[in-house]
Amino acid sequence: MDEECCEIVVTDADAERLTALTRTLVEERLVACGQHVAPIRSVFRWDGAVQEEMEARVALHTRRSLVDAVVARVVELHGYDVPCVLALPVVAGNPAYLRWIAAETREP
């Protein structure tokens, strides 16, 4: 397949906001789909102190060439000052599924 795929992880304390964000990204054809997991427990340092929060997590499937556009859109729509947005490479997978991701996302 010519177009490499990736998974983008995004977290948010508001699961409904994360679902709405995912729907927007799918509607805009920036991602083919998003698979939500909730709740997750996040432990992190913020403002000089260790924090702990319950959050939701989504795994977004898209083309690697769309990562910059997805990151920009998440930063624009997300409620956090510094949202977690991580792009992870997909090294292999079901060829039919990878073709589906490419077909359901727009050209970069």
PDB file of N, CA and C in Angstrom:
ATOM      1  N   MET A   1       0.844  -1.177   0.000  1.00  0.00           N
ATOM      2  CA  MET A   1       0.000   0.000   0.000  1.00  0.00           C
ATOM      3  C   MET A   1       0.889   1.239   0.000  1.00  0.00           C
ATOM      4  N   ASP A   2       0.553   2.218  -0.831  1.00  0.00           N
ATOM      5  CA  ASP A   2       1.358   3.423  -0.938  1.00  0.00           C
ATOM      6  C   ASP A   2       1.277   4.303   0.310  1.00  0.00           C
ATOM      7  N   GLU A   3       0.104   4.389   0.916  1.00  0.00           N
ATOM      8  CA  GLU A   3      -0.111   5.286   2.049  1.00  0.00           C
ATOM      9  C   GLU A   3       0.096   4.549   3.361  1.00  0.00           C
ATOM     10  N   GLU A   4       1.061   5.011   4.165  1.00  0.00           N
ATOM     11  CA  GLU A   4       1.299   4.408   5.463  1.00  0.00           C
ATOM     12  C   GLU A   4       0.242   4.893   6.444  1.00  0.00           C
ATOM     13  N   CYS A   5      -0.165   3.992   7.329  1.00  0.00           N
ATOM     14  CA  CYS A   5      -1.175   4.319   8.321  1.00  0.00           C
ATOM     15  C   CYS A   5      -0.534   4.474   9.691  1.00  0.00           C
ATOM     16  N   CYS A   6      -1.274   5.116  10.586  1.00  0.00           N
ATOM     17  CA  CYS A   6      -0.814   5.262  11.952  1.00  0.00           C
ATOM     18  C   CYS A   6      -2.016   5.303  12.886  1.00  0.00           C
ATOM     19  N   GLU A   7      -1.713   5.227  14.168  1.00  0.00           N
ATOM     20  CA  GLU A   7      -2.719   5.364  15.201  1.00  0.00           C
ATOM     21  C   GLU A   7      -2.375   6.609  16.012  1.00  0.00           C
ATOM     22  N   ILE A   8      -3.347   7.461  16.231  1.00  0.00           N
ATOM     23  CA  ILE A   8      -3.140   8.664  17.028  1.00  0.00           C
ATOM     24  C   ILE A   8      -3.937   8.510  18.314  1.00  0.00           C
ATOM     25  N   VAL A   9      -3.252   8.633  19.450  1.00  0.00           N
ATOM     26  CA  VAL A   9      -3.874   8.516  20.757  1.00  0.00           C
ATOM     27  C   VAL A   9      -4.178   9.911  21.290  1.00  0.00           C
ATOM     28  N   VAL A  10      -5.403  10.097  21.768  1.00  0.00           N
ATOM     29  CA  VAL A  10      -5.817  11.351  22.393  1.00  0.00           C
ATOM     30  C   VAL A  10      -6.551  10.991  23.683  1.00  0.00           C
ATOM     31  N   THR A  11      -6.313  11.765  24.746  1.00  0.00           N
ATOM     32  CA  THR A  11      -7.022  11.558  26.007  1.00  0.00           C
ATOM     33  C   THR A  11      -7.760  12.832  26.394  1.00  0.00           C
ATOM     34  N   ASP A  12      -8.793  12.661  27.233  1.00  0.00           N
ATOM     35  CA  ASP A  12      -9.574  13.795  27.715  1.00  0.00           C
ATOM     36  C   ASP A  12     -10.333  13.353  28.960  1.00  0.00           C
ATOM     37  N   ALA A  13     -10.460  14.252  29.925  1.00  0.00           N
ATOM     38  CA  ALA A  13     -11.233  13.953  31.125  1.00  0.00           C
ATOM     39  C   ALA A  13     -12.729  13.893  30.831  1.00  0.00           C
ATOM     40  N   ASP A  14     -13.160  14.518  29.746  1.00  0.00           N
ATOM     41  CA  ASP A  14     -14.570  14.556  29.363  1.00  0.00           C
ATOM     42  C   ASP A  14     -14.799  13.576  28.200  1.00  0.00           C
ATOM     43  N   ALA A  15     -15.346  12.402  28.521  1.00  0.00           N
ATOM     44  CA  ALA A  15     -15.524  11.353  27.511  1.00  0.00           C
ATOM     45  C   ALA A  15     -16.465  11.793  26.390  1.00  0.00           C
ATOM     46  N   GLU A  16     -17.495  12.556  26.723  1.00  0.00           N
ATOM     47  CA  GLU A  16     -18.438  13.021  25.701  1.00  0.00           C
ATOM     48  C   GLU A  16     -17.776  14.020  24.750  1.00  0.00           C
ATOM     49  N   ARG A  17     -16.937  14.888  25.293  1.00  0.00           N
ATOM     50  CA  ARG A  17     -16.205  15.839  24.442  1.00  0.00           C
ATOM     51  C   ARG A  17     -15.269  15.078  23.510  1.00  0.00           C
ATOM     52  N   LEU A  18     -14.640  14.018  24.018  1.00  0.00           N
ATOM     53  CA  LEU A  18     -13.745  13.206  23.192  1.00  0.00           C
ATOM     54  C   LEU A  18     -14.518  12.504  22.078  1.00  0.00           C
ATOM     55  N   THR A  19     -15.720  12.030  22.388  1.00  0.00           N
ATOM     56  CA  THR A  19     -16.561  11.406  21.362  1.00  0.00           C
ATOM     57  C   THR A  19     -16.947  12.430  20.295  1.00  0.00           C
ATOM     58  N   ALA A  20     -17.319  13.631  20.721  1.00  0.00           N
ATOM     59  CA  ALA A  20     -17.675  14.681  19.764  1.00  0.00           C
ATOM     60  C   ALA A  20     -16.472  15.057  18.898  1.00  0.00           C
ATOM     61  N   LEU A  21     -15.294  15.126  19.501  1.00  0.00           N
ATOM     62  CA  LEU A  21     -14.066  15.410  18.756  1.00  0.00           C
ATOM     63  C   LEU A  21     -13.817  14.324  17.709  1.00  0.00           C
ATOM     64  N   THR A  22     -13.976  13.078  18.124  1.00  0.00           N
ATOM     65  CA  THR A  22     -13.778  11.954  17.200  1.00  0.00           C
ATOM     66  C   THR A  22     -14.754  12.037  16.033  1.00  0.00           C
ATOM     67  N   ARG A  23     -16.017  12.307  16.337  1.00  0.00           N
ATOM     68  CA  ARG A  23     -17.031  12.416  15.280  1.00  0.00           C
ATOM     69  C   ARG A  23     -16.647  13.519  14.284  1.00  0.00           C
ATOM     70  N   THR A  24     -16.186  14.662  14.779  1.00  0.00           N
ATOM     71  CA  THR A  24     -15.770  15.758  13.901  1.00  0.00           C
ATOM     72  C   THR A  24     -14.623  15.314  12.994  1.00  0.00           C
ATOM     73  N   LEU A  25     -13.633  14.642  13.562  1.00  0.00           N
ATOM     74  CA  LEU A  25     -12.479  14.195  12.760  1.00  0.00           C
ATOM     75  C   LEU A  25     -12.889  13.181  11.701  1.00  0.00           C
ATOM     76  N   VAL A  26     -13.843  12.295  12.025  1.00  0.00           N
ATOM     77  CA  VAL A  26     -14.345  11.326  11.040  1.00  0.00           C
ATOM     78  C   VAL A  26     -15.141  12.063   9.955  1.00  0.00           C
ATOM     79  N   GLU A  27     -16.022  12.976  10.374  1.00  0.00           N
ATOM     80  CA  GLU A  27     -16.814  13.731   9.399  1.00  0.00           C
ATOM     81  C   GLU A  27     -15.931  14.529   8.452  1.00  0.00           C
ATOM     82  N   GLU A  28     -14.835  15.071   8.962  1.00  0.00           N
ATOM     83  CA  GLU A  28     -13.905  15.851   8.137  1.00  0.00           C
ATOM     84  C   GLU A  28     -12.939  14.970   7.353  1.00  0.00           C
ATOM     85  N   ARG A  29     -13.060  13.659   7.502  1.00  0.00           N
ATOM     86  CA  ARG A  29     -12.236  12.657   6.815  1.00  0.00           C
ATOM     87  C   ARG A  29     -10.750  12.777   7.159  1.00  0.00           C
ATOM     88  N   LEU A  30     -10.466  13.324   8.348  1.00  0.00           N
ATOM     89  CA  LEU A  30      -9.085  13.350   8.836  1.00  0.00           C
ATOM     90  C   LEU A  30      -8.702  12.008   9.438  1.00  0.00           C
ATOM     91  N   VAL A  31      -9.673  11.259   9.940  1.00  0.00           N
ATOM     92  CA  VAL A  31      -9.450   9.911  10.458  1.00  0.00           C
ATOM     93  C   VAL A  31     -10.559   9.005   9.930  1.00  0.00           C
ATOM     94  N   ALA A  32     -10.258   7.717   9.826  1.00  0.00           N
ATOM     95  CA  ALA A  32     -11.256   6.751   9.366  1.00  0.00           C
ATOM     96  C   ALA A  32     -12.177   6.328  10.501  1.00  0.00           C
ATOM     97  N   CYS A  33     -11.611   6.240  11.722  1.00  0.00           N
ATOM     98  CA  CYS A  33     -12.409   5.808  12.862  1.00  0.00           C
ATOM     99  C   CYS A  33     -11.686   6.155  14.155  1.00  0.00           C
ATOM    100  N   GLY A  34     -12.415   6.027  15.237  1.00  0.00           N
ATOM    101  CA  GLY A  34     -11.836   6.202  16.563  1.00  0.00           C
ATOM    102  C   GLY A  34     -12.411   5.160  17.502  1.00  0.00           C
ATOM    103  N   GLN A  35     -11.546   4.496  18.237  1.00  0.00           N
ATOM    104  CA  GLN A  35     -11.957   3.452  19.178  1.00  0.00           C
ATOM    105  C   GLN A  35     -11.715   3.951  20.591  1.00  0.00           C
ATOM    106  N   HIS A  36     -12.807   4.134  21.330  1.00  0.00           N
ATOM    107  CA  HIS A  36     -12.750   4.736  22.665  1.00  0.00           C
ATOM    108  C   HIS A  36     -12.599   3.690  23.764  1.00  0.00           C
ATOM    109  N   VAL A  37     -11.834   4.055  24.774  1.00  0.00           N
ATOM    110  CA  VAL A  37     -11.684   3.259  25.990  1.00  0.00           C
ATOM    111  C   VAL A  37     -11.888   4.211  27.167  1.00  0.00           C
ATOM    112  N   ALA A  38     -12.774   3.837  28.072  1.00  0.00           N
ATOM    113  CA  ALA A  38     -13.008   4.658  29.271  1.00  0.00           C
ATOM    114  C   ALA A  38     -13.518   3.739  30.377  1.00  0.00           C
ATOM    115  N   PRO A  39     -13.227   4.001  31.602  1.00  0.00           N
ATOM    116  CA  PRO A  39     -12.273   5.025  32.013  1.00  0.00           C
ATOM    117  C   PRO A  39     -10.849   4.491  32.017  1.00  0.00           C
ATOM    118  N   ILE A  40      -9.917   5.420  31.954  1.00  0.00           N
ATOM    119  CA  ILE A  40      -8.515   5.114  32.200  1.00  0.00           C
ATOM    120  C   ILE A  40      -8.067   6.020  33.335  1.00  0.00           C
ATOM    121  N   ARG A  41      -7.034   5.634  34.031  1.00  0.00           N
ATOM    122  CA  ARG A  41      -6.490   6.462  35.098  1.00  0.00           C
ATOM    123  C   ARG A  41      -5.162   7.020  34.611  1.00  0.00           C
ATOM    124  N   SER A  42      -5.057   8.341  34.603  1.00  0.00           N
ATOM    125  CA  SER A  42      -3.828   9.006  34.184  1.00  0.00           C
ATOM    126  C   SER A  42      -3.126   9.594  35.403  1.00  0.00           C
ATOM    127  N   VAL A  43      -1.820   9.356  35.503  1.00  0.00           N
ATOM    128  CA  VAL A  43      -0.981   9.922  36.559  1.00  0.00           C
ATOM    129  C   VAL A  43       0.087  10.738  35.840  1.00  0.00           C
ATOM    130  N   PHE A  44       0.216  12.013  36.226  1.00  0.00           N
ATOM    131  CA  PHE A  44       1.107  12.912  35.501  1.00  0.00           C
ATOM    132  C   PHE A  44       1.523  14.068  36.402  1.00  0.00           C
ATOM    133  N   ARG A  45       2.577  14.753  35.987  1.00  0.00           N
ATOM    134  CA  ARG A  45       3.026  15.945  36.696  1.00  0.00           C
ATOM    135  C   ARG A  45       2.486  17.164  35.948  1.00  0.00           C
ATOM    136  N   TRP A  46       1.829  18.076  36.688  1.00  0.00           N
ATOM    137  CA  TRP A  46       1.307  19.296  36.098  1.00  0.00           C
ATOM    138  C   TRP A  46       1.364  20.397  37.148  1.00  0.00           C
ATOM    139  N   ASP A  47       1.832  21.558  36.751  1.00  0.00           N
ATOM    140  CA  ASP A  47       1.969  22.690  37.671  1.00  0.00           C
ATOM    141  C   ASP A  47       2.799  22.328  38.898  1.00  0.00           C
ATOM    142  N   GLY A  48       3.837  21.516  38.685  1.00  0.00           N
ATOM    143  CA  GLY A  48       4.775  21.195  39.751  1.00  0.00           C
ATOM    144  C   GLY A  48       4.318  20.137  40.733  1.00  0.00           C
ATOM    145  N   ALA A  49       3.174  19.516  40.489  1.00  0.00           N
ATOM    146  CA  ALA A  49       2.677  18.499  41.415  1.00  0.00           C
ATOM    147  C   ALA A  49       2.198  17.277  40.646  1.00  0.00           C
ATOM    148  N   VAL A  50       2.281  16.121  41.281  1.00  0.00           N
ATOM    149  CA  VAL A  50       1.767  14.895  40.677  1.00  0.00           C
ATOM    150  C   VAL A  50       0.244  14.912  40.788  1.00  0.00           C
ATOM    151  N   GLN A  51      -0.402  14.713  39.662  1.00  0.00           N
ATOM    152  CA  GLN A  51      -1.864  14.711  39.568  1.00  0.00           C
ATOM    153  C   GLN A  51      -2.339  13.310  39.182  1.00  0.00           C
ATOM    154  N   GLU A  52      -3.593  13.043  39.461  1.00  0.00           N
ATOM    155  CA  GLU A  52      -4.214  11.780  39.063  1.00  0.00           C
ATOM    156  C   GLU A  52      -5.647  12.085  38.654  1.00  0.00           C
ATOM    157  N   GLU A  53      -6.025  11.619  37.457  1.00  0.00           N
ATOM    158  CA  GLU A  53      -7.368  11.879  36.938  1.00  0.00           C
ATOM    159  C   GLU A  53      -7.900  10.679  36.195  1.00  0.00           C
ATOM    160  N   MET A  54      -9.206  10.549  36.202  1.00  0.00           N
ATOM    161  CA  MET A  54      -9.873   9.582  35.343  1.00  0.00           C
ATOM    162  C   MET A  54     -10.086  10.273  33.999  1.00  0.00           C
ATOM    163  N   GLU A  55      -9.770   9.567  32.927  1.00  0.00           N
ATOM    164  CA  GLU A  55      -9.911  10.116  31.589  1.00  0.00           C
ATOM    165  C   GLU A  55     -10.490   9.056  30.663  1.00  0.00           C
ATOM    166  N   ALA A  56     -10.768   9.480  29.444  1.00  0.00           N
ATOM    167  CA  ALA A  56     -11.107   8.581  28.346  1.00  0.00           C
ATOM    168  C   ALA A  56      -9.960   8.663  27.346  1.00  0.00           C
ATOM    169  N   ARG A  57      -9.828   7.617  26.531  1.00  0.00           N
ATOM    170  CA  ARG A  57      -8.751   7.536  25.544  1.00  0.00           C
ATOM    171  C   ARG A  57      -9.356   7.081  24.227  1.00  0.00           C
ATOM    172  N   VAL A  58      -8.894   7.671  23.138  1.00  0.00           N
ATOM    173  CA  VAL A  58      -9.330   7.231  21.825  1.00  0.00           C
ATOM    174  C   VAL A  58      -8.106   6.897  20.986  1.00  0.00           C
ATOM    175  N   ALA A  59      -8.224   5.827  20.213  1.00  0.00           N
ATOM    176  CA  ALA A  59      -7.219   5.446  19.226  1.00  0.00           C
ATOM    177  C   ALA A  59      -7.805   5.775  17.859  1.00  0.00           C
ATOM    178  N   LEU A  60      -7.230   6.773  17.198  1.00  0.00           N
ATOM    179  CA  LEU A  60      -7.694   7.225  15.896  1.00  0.00           C
ATOM    180  C   LEU A  60      -6.856   6.567  14.804  1.00  0.00           C
ATOM    181  N   HIS A  61      -7.497   6.066  13.772  1.00  0.00           N
ATOM    182  CA  HIS A  61      -6.778   5.424  12.669  1.00  0.00           C
ATOM    183  C   HIS A  61      -6.833   6.328  11.453  1.00  0.00           C
ATOM    184  N   THR A  62      -5.644   6.635  10.912  1.00  0.00           N
ATOM    185  CA  THR A  62      -5.546   7.584   9.808  1.00  0.00           C
ATOM    186  C   THR A  62      -4.290   7.329   8.987  1.00  0.00           C
ATOM    187  N   ARG A  63      -4.076   8.190   8.007  1.00  0.00           N
ATOM    188  CA  ARG A  63      -2.854   8.170   7.197  1.00  0.00           C
ATOM    189  C   ARG A  63      -1.768   8.955   7.936  1.00  0.00           C
ATOM    190  N   ARG A  64      -0.533   8.518   7.813  1.00  0.00           N
ATOM    191  CA  ARG A  64       0.571   9.266   8.435  1.00  0.00           C
ATOM    192  C   ARG A  64       0.673  10.673   7.861  1.00  0.00           C
ATOM    193  N   SER A  65       0.324  10.835   6.606  1.00  0.00           N
ATOM    194  CA  SER A  65       0.407  12.152   5.970  1.00  0.00           C
ATOM    195  C   SER A  65      -0.619  13.144   6.516  1.00  0.00           C
ATOM    196  N   LEU A  66      -1.594  12.673   7.290  1.00  0.00           N
ATOM    197  CA  LEU A  66      -2.610  13.556   7.871  1.00  0.00           C
ATOM    198  C   LEU A  66      -2.338  13.889   9.338  1.00  0.00           C
ATOM    199  N   VAL A  67      -1.248  13.376   9.897  1.00  0.00           N
ATOM    200  CA  VAL A  67      -0.976  13.574  11.324  1.00  0.00           C
ATOM    201  C   VAL A  67      -0.933  15.049  11.694  1.00  0.00           C
ATOM    202  N   ASP A  68      -0.216  15.860  10.944  1.00  0.00           N
ATOM    203  CA  ASP A  68      -0.114  17.284  11.291  1.00  0.00           C
ATOM    204  C   ASP A  68      -1.487  17.947  11.307  1.00  0.00           C
ATOM    205  N   ALA A  69      -2.335  17.608  10.345  1.00  0.00           N
ATOM    206  CA  ALA A  69      -3.684  18.184  10.290  1.00  0.00           C
ATOM    207  C   ALA A  69      -4.532  17.706  11.470  1.00  0.00           C
ATOM    208  N   VAL A  70      -4.403  16.441  11.840  1.00  0.00           N
ATOM    209  CA  VAL A  70      -5.152  15.913  12.981  1.00  0.00           C
ATOM    210  C   VAL A  70      -4.688  16.589  14.268  1.00  0.00           C
ATOM    211  N   VAL A  71      -3.382  16.691  14.458  1.00  0.00           N
ATOM    212  CA  VAL A  71      -2.853  17.337  15.669  1.00  0.00           C
ATOM    213  C   VAL A  71      -3.367  18.771  15.756  1.00  0.00           C
ATOM    214  N   ALA A  72      -3.302  19.513  14.662  1.00  0.00           N
ATOM    215  CA  ALA A  72      -3.764  20.900  14.669  1.00  0.00           C
ATOM    216  C   ALA A  72      -5.246  20.989  15.015  1.00  0.00           C
ATOM    217  N   ARG A  73      -6.048  20.106  14.470  1.00  0.00           N
ATOM    218  CA  ARG A  73      -7.493  20.126  14.731  1.00  0.00           C
ATOM    219  C   ARG A  73      -7.784  19.748  16.178  1.00  0.00           C
ATOM    220  N   VAL A  74      -7.083  18.752  16.716  1.00  0.00           N
ATOM    221  CA  VAL A  74      -7.286  18.370  18.118  1.00  0.00           C
ATOM    222  C   VAL A  74      -6.915  19.529  19.032  1.00  0.00           C
ATOM    223  N   VAL A  75      -5.775  20.157  18.802  1.00  0.00           N
ATOM    224  CA  VAL A  75      -5.354  21.291  19.633  1.00  0.00           C
ATOM    225  C   VAL A  75      -6.406  22.403  19.570  1.00  0.00           C
ATOM    226  N   GLU A  76      -6.980  22.624  18.399  1.00  0.00           N
ATOM    227  CA  GLU A  76      -8.001  23.661  18.227  1.00  0.00           C
ATOM    228  C   GLU A  76      -9.281  23.340  19.006  1.00  0.00           C
ATOM    229  N   LEU A  77      -9.719  22.078  18.996  1.00  0.00           N
ATOM    230  CA  LEU A  77     -11.017  21.706  19.552  1.00  0.00           C
ATOM    231  C   LEU A  77     -10.977  21.181  20.986  1.00  0.00           C
ATOM    232  N   HIS A  78      -9.818  20.779  21.454  1.00  0.00           N
ATOM    233  CA  HIS A  78      -9.683  20.124  22.762  1.00  0.00           C
ATOM    234  C   HIS A  78      -9.779  21.145  23.887  1.00  0.00           C
ATOM    235  N   GLY A  79     -10.209  20.701  25.059  1.00  0.00           N
ATOM    236  CA  GLY A  79     -10.359  21.591  26.193  1.00  0.00           C
ATOM    237  C   GLY A  79      -9.112  21.792  27.029  1.00  0.00           C
ATOM    238  N   TYR A  80      -8.086  20.972  26.834  1.00  0.00           N
ATOM    239  CA  TYR A  80      -6.862  21.083  27.631  1.00  0.00           C
ATOM    240  C   TYR A  80      -5.928  22.141  27.055  1.00  0.00           C
ATOM    241  N   ASP A  81      -5.103  22.736  27.921  1.00  0.00           N
ATOM    242  CA  ASP A  81      -4.052  23.640  27.460  1.00  0.00           C
ATOM    243  C   ASP A  81      -3.022  22.887  26.626  1.00  0.00           C
ATOM    244  N   VAL A  82      -2.685  21.675  27.071  1.00  0.00           N
ATOM    245  CA  VAL A  82      -1.691  20.838  26.387  1.00  0.00           C
ATOM    246  C   VAL A  82      -2.277  19.425  26.247  1.00  0.00           C
ATOM    247  N   PRO A  83      -3.089  19.191  25.223  1.00  0.00           N
ATOM    248  CA  PRO A  83      -3.693  17.859  25.089  1.00  0.00           C
ATOM    249  C   PRO A  83      -2.671  16.799  24.697  1.00  0.00           C
ATOM    250  N   CYS A  84      -2.900  15.589  25.193  1.00  0.00           N
ATOM    251  CA  CYS A  84      -2.105  14.432  24.788  1.00  0.00           C
ATOM    252  C   CYS A  84      -2.533  14.049  23.381  1.00  0.00           C
ATOM    253  N   VAL A  85      -1.608  14.141  22.440  1.00  0.00           N
ATOM    254  CA  VAL A  85      -1.838  13.718  21.059  1.00  0.00           C
ATOM    255  C   VAL A  85      -0.549  13.046  20.612  1.00  0.00           C
ATOM    256  N   LEU A  86      -0.576  11.733  20.485  1.00  0.00           N
ATOM    257  CA  LEU A  86       0.619  10.965  20.119  1.00  0.00           C
ATOM    258  C   LEU A  86       0.334  10.119  18.882  1.00  0.00           C
ATOM    259  N   ALA A  87       1.175  10.233  17.871  1.00  0.00           N
ATOM    260  CA  ALA A  87       1.045   9.417  16.666  1.00  0.00           C
ATOM    261  C   ALA A  87       1.980   8.220  16.778  1.00  0.00           C
ATOM    262  N   LEU A  88       1.408   7.041  16.634  1.00  0.00           N
ATOM    263  CA  LEU A  88       2.161   5.794  16.739  1.00  0.00           C
ATOM    264  C   LEU A  88       2.177   5.095  15.384  1.00  0.00           C
ATOM    265  N   PRO A  89       3.319   4.591  14.945  1.00  0.00           N
ATOM    266  CA  PRO A  89       3.372   3.929  13.645  1.00  0.00           C
ATOM    267  C   PRO A  89       2.646   2.589  13.661  1.00  0.00           C
ATOM    268  N   VAL A  90       2.050   2.267  12.544  1.00  0.00           N
ATOM    269  CA  VAL A  90       1.485   0.934  12.324  1.00  0.00           C
ATOM    270  C   VAL A  90       2.488   0.214  11.438  1.00  0.00           C
ATOM    271  N   VAL A  91       3.079  -0.855  11.947  1.00  0.00           N
ATOM    272  CA  VAL A  91       4.120  -1.550  11.189  1.00  0.00           C
ATOM    273  C   VAL A  91       3.551  -2.620  10.265  1.00  0.00           C
ATOM    274  N   ALA A  92       2.352  -3.104  10.554  1.00  0.00           N
ATOM    275  CA  ALA A  92       1.715  -4.114   9.719  1.00  0.00           C
ATOM    276  C   ALA A  92       0.259  -4.221  10.142  1.00  0.00           C
ATOM    277  N   GLY A  93      -0.526  -4.906   9.343  1.00  0.00           N
ATOM    278  CA  GLY A  93      -1.933  -5.100   9.675  1.00  0.00           C
ATOM    279  C   GLY A  93      -2.659  -5.799   8.554  1.00  0.00           C
ATOM    280  N   ASN A  94      -3.933  -5.963   8.744  1.00  0.00           N
ATOM    281  CA  ASN A  94      -4.792  -6.550   7.725  1.00  0.00           C
ATOM    282  C   ASN A  94      -4.779  -5.620   6.513  1.00  0.00           C
ATOM    283  N   PRO A  95      -4.263  -6.072   5.372  1.00  0.00           N
ATOM    284  CA  PRO A  95      -4.176  -5.197   4.205  1.00  0.00           C
ATOM    285  C   PRO A  95      -5.517  -4.582   3.818  1.00  0.00           C
ATOM    286  N   ALA A  96      -6.597  -5.337   3.952  1.00  0.00           N
ATOM    287  CA  ALA A  96      -7.920  -4.806   3.609  1.00  0.00           C
ATOM    288  C   ALA A  96      -8.297  -3.669   4.560  1.00  0.00           C
ATOM    289  N   TYR A  97      -7.975  -3.806   5.840  1.00  0.00           N
ATOM    290  CA  TYR A  97      -8.276  -2.751   6.811  1.00  0.00           C
ATOM    291  C   TYR A  97      -7.431  -1.515   6.530  1.00  0.00           C
ATOM    292  N   LEU A  98      -6.161  -1.687   6.216  1.00  0.00           N
ATOM    293  CA  LEU A  98      -5.294  -0.553   5.904  1.00  0.00           C
ATOM    294  C   LEU A  98      -5.776   0.179   4.647  1.00  0.00           C
ATOM    295  N   ARG A  99      -6.262  -0.580   3.665  1.00  0.00           N
ATOM    296  CA  ARG A  99      -6.832   0.047   2.464  1.00  0.00           C
ATOM    297  C   ARG A  99      -8.095   0.826   2.815  1.00  0.00           C
ATOM    298  N   TRP A 100      -8.896   0.268   3.736  1.00  0.00           N
ATOM    299  CA  TRP A 100     -10.114   0.950   4.180  1.00  0.00           C
ATOM    300  C   TRP A 100      -9.778   2.283   4.846  1.00  0.00           C
ATOM    301  N   ILE A 101      -8.753   2.308   5.702  1.00  0.00           N
ATOM    302  CA  ILE A 101      -8.332   3.559   6.337  1.00  0.00           C
ATOM    303  C   ILE A 101      -8.004   4.597   5.269  1.00  0.00           C
ATOM    304  N   ALA A 102      -7.236   4.199   4.274  1.00  0.00           N
ATOM    305  CA  ALA A 102      -6.854   5.132   3.203  1.00  0.00           C
ATOM    306  C   ALA A 102      -8.085   5.595   2.418  1.00  0.00           C
ATOM    307  N   ALA A 103      -9.018   4.675   2.175  1.00  0.00           N
ATOM    308  CA  ALA A 103     -10.218   5.033   1.398  1.00  0.00           C
ATOM    309  C   ALA A 103     -11.141   5.972   2.153  1.00  0.00           C
ATOM    310  N   GLU A 104     -11.164   5.870   3.470  1.00  0.00           N
ATOM    311  CA  GLU A 104     -12.093   6.663   4.286  1.00  0.00           C
ATOM    312  C   GLU A 104     -11.500   7.990   4.766  1.00  0.00           C
ATOM    313  N   THR A 105     -10.263   8.271   4.407  1.00  0.00           N
ATOM    314  CA  THR A 105      -9.637   9.544   4.770  1.00  0.00           C
ATOM    315  C   THR A 105      -9.325  10.318   3.505  1.00  0.00           C
ATOM    316  N   ARG A 106      -9.207  11.627   3.674  1.00  0.00           N
ATOM    317  CA  ARG A 106      -8.968  12.478   2.495  1.00  0.00           C
ATOM    318  C   ARG A 106      -7.490  12.463   2.130  1.00  0.00           C
ATOM    319  N   GLU A 107      -7.244  12.893   0.910  1.00  0.00           N
ATOM    320  CA  GLU A 107      -5.868  13.056   0.459  1.00  0.00           C
ATOM    321  C   GLU A 107      -5.253  14.201   1.260  1.00  0.00           C
ATOM    322  N   PRO A 108      -3.966  14.105   1.576  1.00  0.00           N
ATOM    323  CA  PRO A 108      -3.333  15.186   2.371  1.00  0.00           C
ATOM    324  C   PRO A 108      -3.244  16.492   1.579  1.00  0.00           C
TER     325      PRO A 108
END
